[in-house]
Every structure is written in C-alpha cells, then in structure tokens.
N, C-alpha and C. Protein backbone atom coordinates (compact mmCIF):
# COMPACT_ATOMS: atom_id res chain seq x y z
N UNK A 1 -14.30 128.44 -6.50
CA UNK A 1 -12.92 128.14 -6.25
C UNK A 1 -12.24 127.75 -7.54
N UNK A 2 -10.94 127.83 -7.55
CA UNK A 2 -10.18 127.64 -8.78
C UNK A 2 -9.15 126.53 -8.62
N UNK A 3 -8.92 125.80 -9.71
CA UNK A 3 -7.88 124.77 -9.71
C UNK A 3 -6.50 125.38 -9.94
N UNK A 4 -6.44 126.62 -10.43
CA UNK A 4 -5.16 127.23 -10.76
C UNK A 4 -4.73 128.30 -9.75
N UNK A 5 -5.66 128.88 -9.01
CA UNK A 5 -5.31 129.90 -8.03
C UNK A 5 -4.58 129.26 -6.85
N UNK A 6 -3.61 129.95 -6.28
CA UNK A 6 -2.87 129.37 -5.16
C UNK A 6 -3.77 129.18 -3.94
N UNK A 7 -3.44 128.18 -3.15
CA UNK A 7 -4.14 127.92 -1.89
C UNK A 7 -3.18 128.29 -0.76
N UNK A 8 -3.65 129.13 0.13
CA UNK A 8 -2.85 129.57 1.28
C UNK A 8 -3.31 128.78 2.50
N UNK A 9 -2.38 128.12 3.17
CA UNK A 9 -2.70 127.33 4.36
C UNK A 9 -2.29 128.12 5.60
N UNK A 10 -3.23 128.28 6.52
CA UNK A 10 -2.96 128.95 7.78
C UNK A 10 -3.12 127.94 8.91
N UNK A 11 -2.07 127.77 9.71
CA UNK A 11 -2.09 126.81 10.82
C UNK A 11 -2.30 127.58 12.11
N UNK A 12 -3.30 127.15 12.88
CA UNK A 12 -3.63 127.78 14.16
C UNK A 12 -3.39 126.77 15.28
N UNK A 13 -2.67 127.19 16.29
CA UNK A 13 -2.42 126.32 17.44
C UNK A 13 -3.65 126.38 18.35
N UNK A 14 -4.35 125.26 18.49
CA UNK A 14 -5.54 125.22 19.34
C UNK A 14 -5.17 124.83 20.77
N UNK A 15 -4.24 123.87 20.91
CA UNK A 15 -3.88 123.41 22.24
C UNK A 15 -2.52 122.73 22.20
N UNK A 16 -1.72 122.99 23.23
CA UNK A 16 -0.46 122.28 23.45
C UNK A 16 -0.45 121.78 24.88
N UNK A 17 -0.45 120.48 25.06
CA UNK A 17 -0.38 119.90 26.40
C UNK A 17 0.87 119.06 26.54
N UNK A 18 0.97 118.32 27.65
CA UNK A 18 2.14 117.47 27.86
C UNK A 18 2.17 116.31 26.88
N UNK A 19 1.00 115.74 26.59
CA UNK A 19 0.94 114.57 25.72
C UNK A 19 0.23 114.82 24.40
N UNK A 20 -0.64 115.82 24.35
CA UNK A 20 -1.45 116.05 23.16
C UNK A 20 -1.27 117.47 22.63
N UNK A 21 -1.40 117.61 21.33
CA UNK A 21 -1.40 118.92 20.67
C UNK A 21 -2.51 118.91 19.63
N UNK A 22 -3.17 120.04 19.47
CA UNK A 22 -4.25 120.15 18.49
C UNK A 22 -3.98 121.35 17.60
N UNK A 23 -4.21 121.17 16.30
CA UNK A 23 -4.03 122.24 15.32
C UNK A 23 -5.26 122.34 14.44
N UNK A 24 -5.52 123.55 13.98
CA UNK A 24 -6.55 123.78 12.97
C UNK A 24 -5.86 124.39 11.77
N UNK A 25 -6.14 123.85 10.60
CA UNK A 25 -5.54 124.36 9.37
C UNK A 25 -6.67 124.85 8.47
N UNK A 26 -6.60 126.11 8.07
CA UNK A 26 -7.57 126.68 7.13
C UNK A 26 -6.90 126.79 5.77
N UNK A 27 -7.57 126.29 4.75
CA UNK A 27 -7.10 126.45 3.37
C UNK A 27 -7.91 127.58 2.75
N UNK A 28 -7.23 128.62 2.28
CA UNK A 28 -7.91 129.80 1.73
C UNK A 28 -7.54 130.01 0.27
N UNK A 29 -8.55 130.46 -0.47
CA UNK A 29 -8.34 130.85 -1.85
C UNK A 29 -9.09 132.16 -2.04
N UNK A 30 -8.42 133.16 -2.55
CA UNK A 30 -9.01 134.49 -2.73
C UNK A 30 -9.54 135.03 -1.40
N UNK A 31 -8.87 134.68 -0.28
CA UNK A 31 -9.27 135.17 1.03
C UNK A 31 -10.46 134.45 1.66
N UNK A 32 -11.00 133.44 0.99
CA UNK A 32 -12.17 132.72 1.48
C UNK A 32 -11.73 131.33 1.95
N UNK A 33 -12.17 130.94 3.15
CA UNK A 33 -11.85 129.60 3.66
C UNK A 33 -12.62 128.58 2.83
N UNK A 34 -11.87 127.68 2.19
CA UNK A 34 -12.51 126.65 1.36
C UNK A 34 -12.44 125.27 2.01
N UNK A 35 -11.61 125.14 3.05
CA UNK A 35 -11.47 123.86 3.73
C UNK A 35 -10.87 124.11 5.10
N UNK A 36 -11.34 123.38 6.11
CA UNK A 36 -10.78 123.44 7.45
C UNK A 36 -10.47 122.04 7.93
N UNK A 37 -9.27 121.86 8.46
CA UNK A 37 -8.83 120.57 8.99
C UNK A 37 -8.56 120.74 10.48
N UNK A 38 -9.08 119.83 11.29
CA UNK A 38 -8.74 119.77 12.70
C UNK A 38 -7.95 118.49 12.92
N UNK A 39 -6.80 118.59 13.55
CA UNK A 39 -6.00 117.39 13.76
C UNK A 39 -5.40 117.39 15.15
N UNK A 40 -5.26 116.20 15.70
CA UNK A 40 -4.68 116.02 17.03
C UNK A 40 -3.46 115.13 16.91
N UNK A 41 -2.48 115.44 17.73
CA UNK A 41 -1.25 114.67 17.76
C UNK A 41 -1.00 114.23 19.19
N UNK A 42 -0.48 113.01 19.34
CA UNK A 42 -0.16 112.50 20.66
C UNK A 42 1.31 112.12 20.70
N UNK A 43 1.94 112.47 21.80
CA UNK A 43 3.32 112.07 22.02
C UNK A 43 3.39 110.55 22.06
N UNK A 44 4.42 109.99 21.45
CA UNK A 44 4.55 108.53 21.43
C UNK A 44 4.75 108.01 22.85
N UNK A 45 3.89 107.08 23.23
CA UNK A 45 3.95 106.48 24.56
C UNK A 45 3.65 105.00 24.44
N UNK A 46 4.10 104.23 25.42
CA UNK A 46 3.76 102.81 25.46
C UNK A 46 2.26 102.69 25.70
N UNK A 47 1.63 101.73 25.02
CA UNK A 47 0.19 101.58 25.18
C UNK A 47 -0.23 100.16 24.90
N UNK A 48 -1.52 99.98 24.75
CA UNK A 48 -2.08 98.67 24.48
C UNK A 48 -1.70 98.22 23.08
N UNK A 49 -1.56 96.91 22.91
CA UNK A 49 -1.20 96.37 21.60
C UNK A 49 -2.27 96.63 20.56
N UNK A 50 -3.54 96.69 20.98
CA UNK A 50 -4.61 96.88 20.00
C UNK A 50 -4.58 98.27 19.36
N UNK A 51 -3.78 99.17 19.89
CA UNK A 51 -3.69 100.50 19.31
C UNK A 51 -2.85 100.51 18.03
N UNK A 52 -2.05 99.50 17.84
CA UNK A 52 -1.21 99.44 16.65
C UNK A 52 -1.93 98.64 15.58
N UNK A 53 -2.54 99.33 14.66
CA UNK A 53 -3.30 98.68 13.60
C UNK A 53 -2.40 98.54 12.37
N UNK A 54 -2.30 97.31 11.87
CA UNK A 54 -1.51 97.08 10.67
C UNK A 54 -2.37 97.31 9.44
N UNK A 55 -1.75 97.84 8.42
CA UNK A 55 -2.46 98.03 7.16
C UNK A 55 -2.79 96.68 6.56
N UNK A 56 -4.01 96.50 6.05
CA UNK A 56 -4.34 95.23 5.39
C UNK A 56 -3.64 95.13 4.04
N UNK A 57 -3.50 93.91 3.55
CA UNK A 57 -2.94 93.72 2.21
C UNK A 57 -3.99 94.16 1.20
N UNK A 58 -3.65 95.12 0.40
CA UNK A 58 -4.56 95.63 -0.63
C UNK A 58 -3.81 95.64 -1.96
N UNK A 59 -4.54 95.54 -3.07
CA UNK A 59 -3.85 95.57 -4.36
C UNK A 59 -3.22 96.94 -4.62
N UNK A 60 -2.12 96.93 -5.34
CA UNK A 60 -1.48 98.19 -5.72
C UNK A 60 -2.29 98.89 -6.80
N UNK A 61 -2.00 100.15 -7.07
CA UNK A 61 -2.76 100.93 -8.05
C UNK A 61 -2.79 100.29 -9.43
N UNK A 62 -1.72 99.60 -9.80
CA UNK A 62 -1.68 98.98 -11.13
C UNK A 62 -2.67 97.83 -11.26
N UNK A 63 -3.17 97.30 -10.14
CA UNK A 63 -4.13 96.19 -10.17
C UNK A 63 -5.58 96.67 -10.15
N UNK A 64 -5.82 97.95 -9.94
CA UNK A 64 -7.18 98.48 -9.86
C UNK A 64 -7.76 98.72 -11.25
N UNK A 65 -9.09 98.69 -11.32
CA UNK A 65 -9.76 98.96 -12.59
C UNK A 65 -9.70 100.45 -12.91
N UNK A 66 -9.64 100.77 -14.19
CA UNK A 66 -9.66 102.17 -14.61
C UNK A 66 -11.09 102.69 -14.49
N UNK A 67 -11.27 104.01 -14.58
CA UNK A 67 -12.61 104.60 -14.53
C UNK A 67 -13.46 104.07 -15.68
N UNK A 68 -12.86 103.91 -16.84
CA UNK A 68 -13.60 103.39 -18.00
C UNK A 68 -14.07 101.96 -17.74
N UNK A 69 -13.20 101.14 -17.16
CA UNK A 69 -13.59 99.76 -16.84
C UNK A 69 -14.70 99.72 -15.79
N UNK A 70 -14.63 100.61 -14.81
CA UNK A 70 -15.69 100.68 -13.80
C UNK A 70 -17.02 101.10 -14.43
N UNK A 71 -16.99 102.09 -15.33
CA UNK A 71 -18.21 102.53 -16.02
C UNK A 71 -18.81 101.39 -16.84
N UNK A 72 -17.96 100.69 -17.56
CA UNK A 72 -18.42 99.58 -18.40
C UNK A 72 -19.04 98.48 -17.53
N UNK A 73 -18.42 98.18 -16.42
CA UNK A 73 -18.95 97.16 -15.52
C UNK A 73 -20.32 97.58 -14.98
N UNK A 74 -20.46 98.85 -14.64
CA UNK A 74 -21.74 99.34 -14.12
C UNK A 74 -22.84 99.26 -15.18
N UNK A 75 -22.51 99.59 -16.40
CA UNK A 75 -23.50 99.57 -17.48
C UNK A 75 -23.94 98.14 -17.78
N UNK A 76 -23.03 97.20 -17.71
CA UNK A 76 -23.34 95.83 -18.13
C UNK A 76 -23.79 94.91 -16.99
N UNK A 77 -23.69 95.35 -15.75
CA UNK A 77 -24.08 94.50 -14.62
C UNK A 77 -25.56 94.71 -14.31
N UNK A 78 -26.41 93.70 -14.55
CA UNK A 78 -27.84 93.87 -14.34
C UNK A 78 -28.23 94.00 -12.86
N UNK A 79 -27.34 93.62 -11.95
CA UNK A 79 -27.66 93.72 -10.52
C UNK A 79 -27.54 95.14 -9.99
N UNK A 80 -26.82 95.99 -10.67
CA UNK A 80 -26.61 97.36 -10.20
C UNK A 80 -27.70 98.28 -10.71
N UNK A 81 -28.17 99.20 -9.85
CA UNK A 81 -29.20 100.15 -10.31
C UNK A 81 -28.61 101.13 -11.32
N UNK A 82 -29.44 101.63 -12.18
CA UNK A 82 -29.00 102.60 -13.19
C UNK A 82 -29.07 104.00 -12.65
C-alpha cells in the first residue's frame, strides 16, 4: 500500500431499520481492499442515564510527552523491560 496513492471509500448499505442502520465501508487502494469498517447507527431515543458516558478529563496534546521523551524515559527506567 502507498501513502501517496489515493484511497477510494465505498459505502455499502447493510441494513436500514426503524431504529438502526448498519453500513460497511471498504477502503481501496489500487483496487485492493486495505481496510473494512462496520458501523451501526441508532436513531436518537430516550434511554437509561447510564448510556450517556461523559468524556473523562484528560490532558491536552500540548501536555503529552513527545516520542523522543518517551524513548528516553524507556531507556532510563530500570523497571521497564528492554
């Protein structure tokens, strides 16, 4: 596969119901399927409160370590396997 060749996405309708819909998406490069996604969608309906999951507080990208910092930490941490 190539990083520069275009990727063609083909969407296939698997199912359409009253409340649910299912799609399959094939990603093709040079006519060869390189990735397949199956996804389901549900019509918005009233439901249990536990279905609404809030995102946890996580640090923004600017607070994360760089790849170089992660490599350095791995090399110098004696608890981590080599």
